[in-house]
Amino acid sequence: MSNLTTAIHNEAPLVDVIIEIPKGSFLKRGSTGKLDFISPVPCPFNYGSVPTYMGLDGDLLDAVVLGPCLPIGATVKVNAWGAVRMIDRGFYDDKLICSYSPISPWKQRLILLFFIIYAKAKSLINLTRGHRGRNSCEGWHDAASALARATPSVHIDWKGPTHTFK
């Protein structure tokens, strides 16, 4: 059974996502709002975080929201139909893939292709910054497993990522 079929049968989790990078933006910002880098290509989707979960990288759990461009700071309640498991500087960094409707298998493959290319680009960025650690895309997984790996942050006074790379 594919991850898409599993998600449909098990109901995709509903999450709140705060948009940090609108679809089409060239500016890559982190969850604190600080500019991380300027991309040579626009972001193909809305990118943000789930404020109620901490990812394994010590930052808020990342989320992609498919669909039309959303403004910075918008909070949307949307289904998480899957997750892309990334490794960034040696830390697991899951990305929930969210949409208001199920994500077709061909769109899953396109999203995965983007993150494979993104991991390679991130390797180059980290190399130029002197950051160590492996970068890779580990594939498509179900959203429930990404949420299970994350830590609920409802009682955490979050002030930014716990891992800094200066």
N, C-alpha and C. Protein backbone atom coordinates (compact mmCIF):
# COMPACT_ATOMS: atom_id res chain seq x y z
N MET A 1 0.85 -1.18 0.00
CA MET A 1 0.00 0.00 0.00
C MET A 1 0.89 1.23 0.00
N SER A 2 0.64 2.18 -0.88
CA SER A 2 1.48 3.39 -0.96
C SER A 2 1.20 4.30 0.22
N ASN A 3 2.13 5.23 0.45
CA ASN A 3 1.94 6.20 1.53
C ASN A 3 0.69 7.04 1.30
N LEU A 4 0.40 7.36 0.04
CA LEU A 4 -0.80 8.14 -0.27
C LEU A 4 -2.04 7.36 0.12
N THR A 5 -2.10 6.08 -0.26
CA THR A 5 -3.25 5.25 0.08
C THR A 5 -3.38 5.12 1.59
N THR A 6 -2.26 4.93 2.29
CA THR A 6 -2.28 4.82 3.74
C THR A 6 -2.83 6.10 4.35
N ALA A 7 -2.39 7.25 3.86
CA ALA A 7 -2.85 8.53 4.40
C ALA A 7 -4.35 8.69 4.23
N ILE A 8 -4.87 8.30 3.06
CA ILE A 8 -6.30 8.43 2.80
C ILE A 8 -7.08 7.53 3.74
N HIS A 9 -6.60 6.29 3.93
CA HIS A 9 -7.32 5.35 4.79
C HIS A 9 -7.22 5.71 6.27
N ASN A 10 -6.13 6.32 6.69
CA ASN A 10 -5.92 6.63 8.10
C ASN A 10 -6.22 8.08 8.44
N GLU A 11 -6.72 8.84 7.51
CA GLU A 11 -6.95 10.28 7.67
C GLU A 11 -5.65 11.01 7.94
N ALA A 12 -5.37 11.94 7.11
CA ALA A 12 -4.15 12.74 7.25
C ALA A 12 -4.27 13.63 8.47
N PRO A 13 -3.21 13.71 9.29
CA PRO A 13 -3.25 14.58 10.48
C PRO A 13 -3.51 16.04 10.08
N LEU A 14 -4.25 16.73 10.91
CA LEU A 14 -4.53 18.15 10.70
C LEU A 14 -3.57 18.95 11.57
N VAL A 15 -2.85 19.89 10.96
CA VAL A 15 -1.85 20.69 11.69
C VAL A 15 -2.03 22.17 11.38
N ASP A 16 -1.57 23.00 12.30
CA ASP A 16 -1.50 24.44 12.07
C ASP A 16 -0.09 24.76 11.58
N VAL A 17 0.02 25.49 10.47
CA VAL A 17 1.31 25.85 9.90
C VAL A 17 1.39 27.37 9.81
N ILE A 18 2.51 27.92 10.29
CA ILE A 18 2.78 29.36 10.15
C ILE A 18 3.69 29.52 8.94
N ILE A 19 3.28 30.34 7.99
CA ILE A 19 4.05 30.54 6.76
C ILE A 19 5.22 31.48 7.01
N GLU A 20 6.42 31.01 6.66
CA GLU A 20 7.65 31.80 6.80
C GLU A 20 8.17 32.26 5.44
N ILE A 21 7.92 31.45 4.41
CA ILE A 21 8.40 31.75 3.06
C ILE A 21 7.22 31.54 2.11
N PRO A 22 6.69 32.60 1.52
CA PRO A 22 5.60 32.43 0.56
C PRO A 22 6.07 31.77 -0.73
N LYS A 23 5.18 31.07 -1.35
CA LYS A 23 5.46 30.48 -2.66
C LYS A 23 5.95 31.59 -3.59
N GLY A 24 7.05 31.32 -4.31
CA GLY A 24 7.60 32.28 -5.24
C GLY A 24 8.67 33.19 -4.67
N SER A 25 8.90 33.13 -3.35
CA SER A 25 9.89 34.00 -2.72
C SER A 25 11.31 33.52 -3.00
N PHE A 26 12.24 34.45 -3.10
CA PHE A 26 13.66 34.15 -3.26
C PHE A 26 14.37 34.19 -1.90
N LEU A 27 13.70 34.71 -0.87
CA LEU A 27 14.30 34.89 0.44
C LEU A 27 14.00 33.69 1.32
N LYS A 28 15.05 32.98 1.78
CA LYS A 28 14.90 31.82 2.66
C LYS A 28 15.10 32.30 4.09
N ARG A 29 14.03 32.26 4.86
CA ARG A 29 14.09 32.67 6.26
C ARG A 29 13.88 31.46 7.16
N GLY A 30 14.48 31.52 8.33
CA GLY A 30 14.29 30.48 9.33
C GLY A 30 13.05 30.76 10.16
N SER A 31 12.78 29.87 11.12
CA SER A 31 11.57 30.00 11.93
C SER A 31 11.59 31.21 12.84
N THR A 32 12.76 31.83 13.06
CA THR A 32 12.83 33.05 13.87
C THR A 32 12.61 34.30 13.01
N GLY A 33 12.53 34.11 11.68
CA GLY A 33 12.34 35.23 10.76
C GLY A 33 13.64 35.78 10.20
N LYS A 34 14.78 35.32 10.73
CA LYS A 34 16.08 35.79 10.27
C LYS A 34 16.36 35.26 8.86
N LEU A 35 16.90 36.13 8.00
CA LEU A 35 17.25 35.74 6.63
C LEU A 35 18.39 34.73 6.67
N ASP A 36 18.17 33.57 6.04
CA ASP A 36 19.18 32.51 5.99
C ASP A 36 20.03 32.64 4.73
N PHE A 37 19.35 32.77 3.58
CA PHE A 37 20.06 33.00 2.33
C PHE A 37 19.08 33.47 1.26
N ILE A 38 19.65 34.00 0.18
CA ILE A 38 18.85 34.40 -0.98
C ILE A 38 19.04 33.32 -2.03
N SER A 39 17.95 32.75 -2.47
CA SER A 39 17.99 31.64 -3.42
C SER A 39 18.05 32.16 -4.86
N PRO A 40 18.76 31.44 -5.73
CA PRO A 40 18.78 31.83 -7.14
C PRO A 40 17.49 31.44 -7.87
N VAL A 41 16.68 30.59 -7.23
CA VAL A 41 15.39 30.18 -7.81
C VAL A 41 14.29 30.40 -6.77
N PRO A 42 13.08 30.71 -7.22
CA PRO A 42 12.00 30.95 -6.26
C PRO A 42 11.54 29.65 -5.60
N CYS A 43 11.07 29.76 -4.38
CA CYS A 43 10.53 28.61 -3.66
C CYS A 43 9.26 28.14 -4.38
N PRO A 44 9.17 26.85 -4.69
CA PRO A 44 8.01 26.37 -5.47
C PRO A 44 6.73 26.17 -4.66
N PHE A 45 6.80 26.37 -3.35
CA PHE A 45 5.61 26.20 -2.51
C PHE A 45 5.75 27.06 -1.26
N ASN A 46 4.67 27.18 -0.50
CA ASN A 46 4.70 27.90 0.77
C ASN A 46 5.46 27.03 1.78
N TYR A 47 6.31 27.66 2.56
CA TYR A 47 7.17 26.93 3.49
C TYR A 47 7.02 27.56 4.86
N GLY A 48 6.89 26.73 5.87
CA GLY A 48 6.74 27.26 7.22
C GLY A 48 7.03 26.22 8.27
N SER A 49 6.39 26.37 9.42
CA SER A 49 6.63 25.44 10.51
C SER A 49 5.35 25.21 11.31
N VAL A 50 5.38 24.10 12.05
CA VAL A 50 4.27 23.73 12.93
C VAL A 50 4.70 24.13 14.35
N PRO A 51 4.11 25.19 14.90
CA PRO A 51 4.59 25.73 16.17
C PRO A 51 4.36 24.82 17.38
N THR A 52 3.58 23.77 17.22
CA THR A 52 3.31 22.87 18.35
C THR A 52 4.22 21.66 18.38
N TYR A 53 5.21 21.60 17.47
CA TYR A 53 6.15 20.47 17.44
C TYR A 53 7.57 20.94 17.20
N MET A 54 8.51 20.32 17.91
CA MET A 54 9.94 20.54 17.70
C MET A 54 10.47 19.35 16.90
N GLY A 55 11.20 19.65 15.83
CA GLY A 55 11.83 18.60 15.05
C GLY A 55 13.09 18.08 15.73
N LEU A 56 13.65 17.02 15.18
CA LEU A 56 14.85 16.42 15.75
C LEU A 56 16.08 17.31 15.59
N ASP A 57 15.97 18.36 14.77
CA ASP A 57 17.09 19.28 14.57
C ASP A 57 17.09 20.41 15.60
N GLY A 58 16.14 20.38 16.56
CA GLY A 58 16.08 21.41 17.59
C GLY A 58 15.35 22.67 17.18
N ASP A 59 14.71 22.64 16.02
CA ASP A 59 13.95 23.77 15.50
C ASP A 59 12.49 23.33 15.37
N LEU A 60 11.60 24.29 15.16
CA LEU A 60 10.20 23.92 14.94
C LEU A 60 10.10 22.98 13.74
N LEU A 61 9.13 22.08 13.76
CA LEU A 61 8.94 21.11 12.69
C LEU A 61 8.58 21.84 11.40
N ASP A 62 9.34 21.58 10.34
CA ASP A 62 9.12 22.23 9.05
C ASP A 62 7.89 21.68 8.35
N ALA A 63 7.25 22.53 7.56
CA ALA A 63 6.08 22.12 6.80
C ALA A 63 6.01 22.88 5.48
N VAL A 64 5.62 22.17 4.45
CA VAL A 64 5.37 22.72 3.13
C VAL A 64 3.85 22.75 2.97
N VAL A 65 3.32 23.85 2.45
CA VAL A 65 1.88 23.93 2.18
C VAL A 65 1.71 24.15 0.68
N LEU A 66 1.13 23.17 0.02
CA LEU A 66 0.89 23.26 -1.42
C LEU A 66 -0.32 24.15 -1.68
N GLY A 67 -0.37 24.72 -2.86
CA GLY A 67 -1.51 25.56 -3.24
C GLY A 67 -1.07 26.97 -3.56
N PRO A 68 -2.02 27.91 -3.57
CA PRO A 68 -1.70 29.29 -3.94
C PRO A 68 -0.80 29.96 -2.90
N CYS A 69 -0.16 31.04 -3.32
CA CYS A 69 0.75 31.81 -2.48
C CYS A 69 0.03 32.32 -1.23
N LEU A 70 0.67 32.14 -0.07
CA LEU A 70 0.13 32.61 1.20
C LEU A 70 1.09 33.67 1.76
N PRO A 71 0.57 34.66 2.47
CA PRO A 71 1.44 35.73 3.00
C PRO A 71 2.29 35.26 4.18
N ILE A 72 3.45 35.90 4.36
CA ILE A 72 4.31 35.64 5.52
C ILE A 72 3.48 35.88 6.78
N GLY A 73 3.60 34.96 7.73
CA GLY A 73 2.90 35.10 9.01
C GLY A 73 1.50 34.50 9.03
N ALA A 74 0.97 34.11 7.87
CA ALA A 74 -0.36 33.49 7.85
C ALA A 74 -0.30 32.15 8.58
N THR A 75 -1.34 31.85 9.33
CA THR A 75 -1.46 30.54 9.97
C THR A 75 -2.62 29.80 9.29
N VAL A 76 -2.33 28.61 8.80
CA VAL A 76 -3.34 27.81 8.12
C VAL A 76 -3.48 26.46 8.80
N LYS A 77 -4.69 25.96 8.85
CA LYS A 77 -4.98 24.62 9.37
C LYS A 77 -5.15 23.74 8.14
N VAL A 78 -4.28 22.73 8.01
CA VAL A 78 -4.21 21.95 6.78
C VAL A 78 -3.80 20.51 7.09
N ASN A 79 -4.16 19.59 6.21
CA ASN A 79 -3.80 18.18 6.39
C ASN A 79 -2.36 17.92 5.97
N ALA A 80 -1.66 17.11 6.77
CA ALA A 80 -0.31 16.65 6.44
C ALA A 80 -0.44 15.27 5.81
N TRP A 81 -0.23 15.18 4.49
CA TRP A 81 -0.43 13.94 3.74
C TRP A 81 0.82 13.08 3.66
N GLY A 82 1.94 13.63 4.05
CA GLY A 82 3.18 12.87 4.00
C GLY A 82 4.29 13.71 4.60
N ALA A 83 5.51 13.18 4.51
CA ALA A 83 6.68 13.89 5.00
C ALA A 83 7.88 13.48 4.17
N VAL A 84 8.78 14.42 3.97
CA VAL A 84 10.05 14.11 3.34
C VAL A 84 11.08 14.14 4.46
N ARG A 85 11.82 13.04 4.58
CA ARG A 85 12.83 12.95 5.62
C ARG A 85 14.15 13.47 5.05
N MET A 86 14.61 14.56 5.63
CA MET A 86 15.87 15.18 5.22
C MET A 86 16.90 15.02 6.33
N ILE A 87 18.16 15.06 5.93
CA ILE A 87 19.26 15.18 6.88
C ILE A 87 19.99 16.45 6.49
N ASP A 88 20.11 17.36 7.46
CA ASP A 88 20.78 18.64 7.23
C ASP A 88 21.87 18.80 8.28
N ARG A 89 23.11 18.86 7.85
CA ARG A 89 24.27 18.97 8.73
C ARG A 89 24.32 17.82 9.74
N GLY A 90 23.83 16.65 9.31
CA GLY A 90 23.86 15.47 10.17
C GLY A 90 22.65 15.32 11.07
N PHE A 91 21.72 16.27 11.06
CA PHE A 91 20.53 16.20 11.90
C PHE A 91 19.31 15.85 11.05
N TYR A 92 18.43 14.98 11.58
CA TYR A 92 17.18 14.72 10.89
C TYR A 92 16.34 16.00 10.89
N ASP A 93 15.73 16.28 9.77
CA ASP A 93 14.98 17.52 9.59
C ASP A 93 13.76 17.21 8.72
N ASP A 94 12.75 16.57 9.32
CA ASP A 94 11.53 16.20 8.58
C ASP A 94 10.82 17.43 8.05
N LYS A 95 10.20 17.27 6.88
CA LYS A 95 9.38 18.31 6.26
C LYS A 95 7.98 17.71 6.06
N LEU A 96 6.99 18.18 6.80
CA LEU A 96 5.62 17.73 6.56
C LEU A 96 5.17 18.29 5.21
N ILE A 97 4.47 17.48 4.44
CA ILE A 97 3.94 17.93 3.15
C ILE A 97 2.43 18.04 3.30
N CYS A 98 1.96 19.28 3.26
CA CYS A 98 0.57 19.58 3.60
C CYS A 98 -0.20 20.11 2.39
N SER A 99 -1.49 19.79 2.38
CA SER A 99 -2.37 20.25 1.31
C SER A 99 -3.81 20.10 1.79
N TYR A 100 -4.69 20.85 1.14
CA TYR A 100 -6.11 20.74 1.48
C TYR A 100 -6.75 19.52 0.85
N SER A 101 -6.05 18.85 -0.06
CA SER A 101 -6.56 17.63 -0.70
C SER A 101 -5.41 16.63 -0.84
N PRO A 102 -5.72 15.36 -1.01
CA PRO A 102 -4.67 14.36 -1.15
C PRO A 102 -3.67 14.70 -2.26
N ILE A 103 -2.45 14.25 -2.09
CA ILE A 103 -1.37 14.53 -3.03
C ILE A 103 -1.17 13.32 -3.92
N SER A 104 -1.27 13.53 -5.22
CA SER A 104 -1.15 12.42 -6.17
C SER A 104 0.28 11.85 -6.16
N PRO A 105 0.43 10.58 -6.56
CA PRO A 105 1.77 9.98 -6.60
C PRO A 105 2.76 10.74 -7.48
N TRP A 106 2.31 11.29 -8.62
CA TRP A 106 3.25 12.02 -9.48
C TRP A 106 3.71 13.31 -8.82
N LYS A 107 2.80 13.96 -8.06
CA LYS A 107 3.19 15.19 -7.35
C LYS A 107 4.13 14.85 -6.19
N GLN A 108 3.91 13.69 -5.55
CA GLN A 108 4.83 13.23 -4.51
C GLN A 108 6.23 13.09 -5.09
N ARG A 109 6.35 12.52 -6.28
CA ARG A 109 7.66 12.32 -6.91
C ARG A 109 8.31 13.67 -7.25
N LEU A 110 7.52 14.63 -7.72
CA LEU A 110 8.07 15.97 -8.02
C LEU A 110 8.58 16.66 -6.75
N ILE A 111 7.83 16.54 -5.68
CA ILE A 111 8.23 17.14 -4.40
C ILE A 111 9.51 16.48 -3.91
N LEU A 112 9.56 15.17 -4.03
CA LEU A 112 10.75 14.43 -3.61
C LEU A 112 11.96 14.83 -4.46
N LEU A 113 11.76 14.99 -5.76
CA LEU A 113 12.85 15.43 -6.65
C LEU A 113 13.36 16.81 -6.21
N PHE A 114 12.44 17.72 -5.90
CA PHE A 114 12.86 19.04 -5.41
C PHE A 114 13.76 18.90 -4.19
N PHE A 115 13.37 18.07 -3.21
CA PHE A 115 14.15 17.95 -1.99
C PHE A 115 15.48 17.22 -2.20
N ILE A 116 15.55 16.33 -3.17
CA ILE A 116 16.83 15.70 -3.51
C ILE A 116 17.79 16.77 -4.03
N ILE A 117 17.30 17.62 -4.92
CA ILE A 117 18.12 18.71 -5.46
C ILE A 117 18.46 19.72 -4.36
N TYR A 118 17.48 20.03 -3.52
CA TYR A 118 17.68 20.97 -2.41
C TYR A 118 18.77 20.48 -1.46
N ALA A 119 18.78 19.17 -1.16
CA ALA A 119 19.80 18.62 -0.26
C ALA A 119 21.20 18.81 -0.85
N LYS A 120 21.33 18.62 -2.15
CA LYS A 120 22.63 18.81 -2.81
C LYS A 120 23.04 20.30 -2.76
N ALA A 121 22.08 21.18 -3.02
CA ALA A 121 22.37 22.62 -2.96
C ALA A 121 22.74 23.03 -1.53
N LYS A 122 22.02 22.49 -0.55
CA LYS A 122 22.29 22.79 0.85
C LYS A 122 23.69 22.31 1.25
N SER A 123 24.15 21.19 0.67
CA SER A 123 25.52 20.72 0.91
C SER A 123 26.53 21.78 0.49
N LEU A 124 26.30 22.38 -0.68
CA LEU A 124 27.20 23.42 -1.18
C LEU A 124 27.16 24.66 -0.30
N ILE A 125 25.96 25.07 0.09
CA ILE A 125 25.82 26.25 0.97
C ILE A 125 26.55 25.99 2.29
N ASN A 126 26.33 24.82 2.87
CA ASN A 126 26.97 24.51 4.15
C ASN A 126 28.48 24.42 4.01
N LEU A 127 28.95 23.90 2.89
CA LEU A 127 30.39 23.82 2.65
C LEU A 127 31.02 25.22 2.62
N THR A 128 30.36 26.14 1.90
CA THR A 128 30.90 27.51 1.83
C THR A 128 30.85 28.22 3.18
N ARG A 129 29.93 27.82 4.05
CA ARG A 129 29.82 28.42 5.38
C ARG A 129 30.70 27.71 6.41
N GLY A 130 31.34 26.63 5.99
CA GLY A 130 32.18 25.88 6.92
C GLY A 130 31.41 24.97 7.86
N HIS A 131 30.16 24.68 7.52
CA HIS A 131 29.34 23.80 8.36
C HIS A 131 29.64 22.34 8.02
N ARG A 132 29.78 21.54 9.03
CA ARG A 132 30.05 20.11 8.83
C ARG A 132 28.75 19.32 8.91
N GLY A 133 28.82 18.08 8.49
CA GLY A 133 27.68 17.17 8.60
C GLY A 133 27.08 16.85 7.25
N ARG A 134 26.53 15.67 7.16
CA ARG A 134 25.96 15.15 5.93
C ARG A 134 24.62 15.82 5.61
N ASN A 135 24.36 16.01 4.32
CA ASN A 135 23.07 16.51 3.83
C ASN A 135 22.54 15.50 2.84
N SER A 136 21.27 15.11 3.00
CA SER A 136 20.67 14.18 2.04
C SER A 136 19.15 14.19 2.20
N CYS A 137 18.51 13.66 1.18
CA CYS A 137 17.07 13.45 1.20
C CYS A 137 16.87 11.95 1.35
N GLU A 138 16.17 11.54 2.39
CA GLU A 138 15.99 10.13 2.71
C GLU A 138 14.67 9.56 2.20
N GLY A 139 13.90 10.34 1.45
CA GLY A 139 12.69 9.82 0.83
C GLY A 139 11.38 10.27 1.46
N TRP A 140 10.31 9.80 0.85
CA TRP A 140 8.94 10.12 1.26
C TRP A 140 8.50 9.16 2.35
N HIS A 141 7.88 9.70 3.40
CA HIS A 141 7.38 8.89 4.51
C HIS A 141 6.00 9.40 4.90
N ASP A 142 5.35 8.70 5.80
CA ASP A 142 4.03 9.16 6.22
C ASP A 142 4.17 10.26 7.27
N ALA A 143 3.20 11.13 7.30
CA ALA A 143 3.22 12.29 8.21
C ALA A 143 3.18 11.85 9.67
N ALA A 144 2.44 10.79 9.96
CA ALA A 144 2.31 10.34 11.35
C ALA A 144 3.67 9.96 11.94
N SER A 145 4.55 9.35 11.14
CA SER A 145 5.87 8.97 11.67
C SER A 145 6.71 10.21 11.93
N ALA A 146 6.60 11.23 11.09
CA ALA A 146 7.34 12.48 11.32
C ALA A 146 6.83 13.16 12.60
N LEU A 147 5.52 13.18 12.79
CA LEU A 147 4.96 13.77 14.00
C LEU A 147 5.35 12.98 15.24
N ALA A 148 5.43 11.65 15.11
CA ALA A 148 5.83 10.80 16.25
C ALA A 148 7.29 11.03 16.63
N ARG A 149 8.15 11.34 15.67
CA ARG A 149 9.57 11.62 15.95
C ARG A 149 9.74 13.01 16.58
N ALA A 150 8.83 13.91 16.30
CA ALA A 150 8.92 15.28 16.82
C ALA A 150 8.47 15.31 18.28
N THR A 151 8.83 16.39 18.96
CA THR A 151 8.45 16.58 20.36
C THR A 151 7.37 17.64 20.44
N PRO A 152 6.23 17.31 21.09
CA PRO A 152 5.21 18.35 21.26
C PRO A 152 5.82 19.54 22.01
N SER A 153 5.56 20.74 21.53
CA SER A 153 6.20 21.93 22.11
C SER A 153 5.21 22.86 22.79
N VAL A 154 4.06 22.37 23.15
CA VAL A 154 3.05 23.25 23.75
C VAL A 154 3.51 23.84 25.08
N HIS A 155 4.41 23.16 25.80
CA HIS A 155 4.88 23.67 27.09
C HIS A 155 6.32 24.17 27.04
N ILE A 156 6.87 24.23 25.85
CA ILE A 156 8.24 24.69 25.70
C ILE A 156 8.24 26.18 25.35
N ASP A 157 9.08 26.94 26.05
CA ASP A 157 9.22 28.36 25.75
C ASP A 157 10.28 28.48 24.65
N TRP A 158 9.88 28.31 23.40
CA TRP A 158 10.80 28.25 22.27
C TRP A 158 11.30 29.63 21.92
N LYS A 159 12.62 29.75 21.81
CA LYS A 159 13.23 31.04 21.47
C LYS A 159 14.11 30.94 20.23
N GLY A 160 14.09 29.81 19.58
CA GLY A 160 14.91 29.61 18.39
C GLY A 160 15.54 28.24 18.41
N PRO A 161 16.20 27.87 17.31
CA PRO A 161 16.81 26.54 17.21
C PRO A 161 17.84 26.31 18.32
N THR A 162 17.93 25.06 18.77
CA THR A 162 18.91 24.73 19.81
C THR A 162 20.29 24.51 19.22
N HIS A 163 20.39 24.22 17.92
CA HIS A 163 21.67 24.03 17.26
C HIS A 163 21.99 25.27 16.44
N THR A 164 23.09 25.91 16.77
CA THR A 164 23.51 27.06 15.98
C THR A 164 24.76 26.70 15.22
N PHE A 165 24.89 27.24 14.02
CA PHE A 165 26.02 26.93 13.15
C PHE A 165 26.61 28.23 12.65
N LYS A 166 27.44 28.83 13.44
CA LYS A 166 28.03 30.12 13.06
C LYS A 166 29.40 29.92 12.49
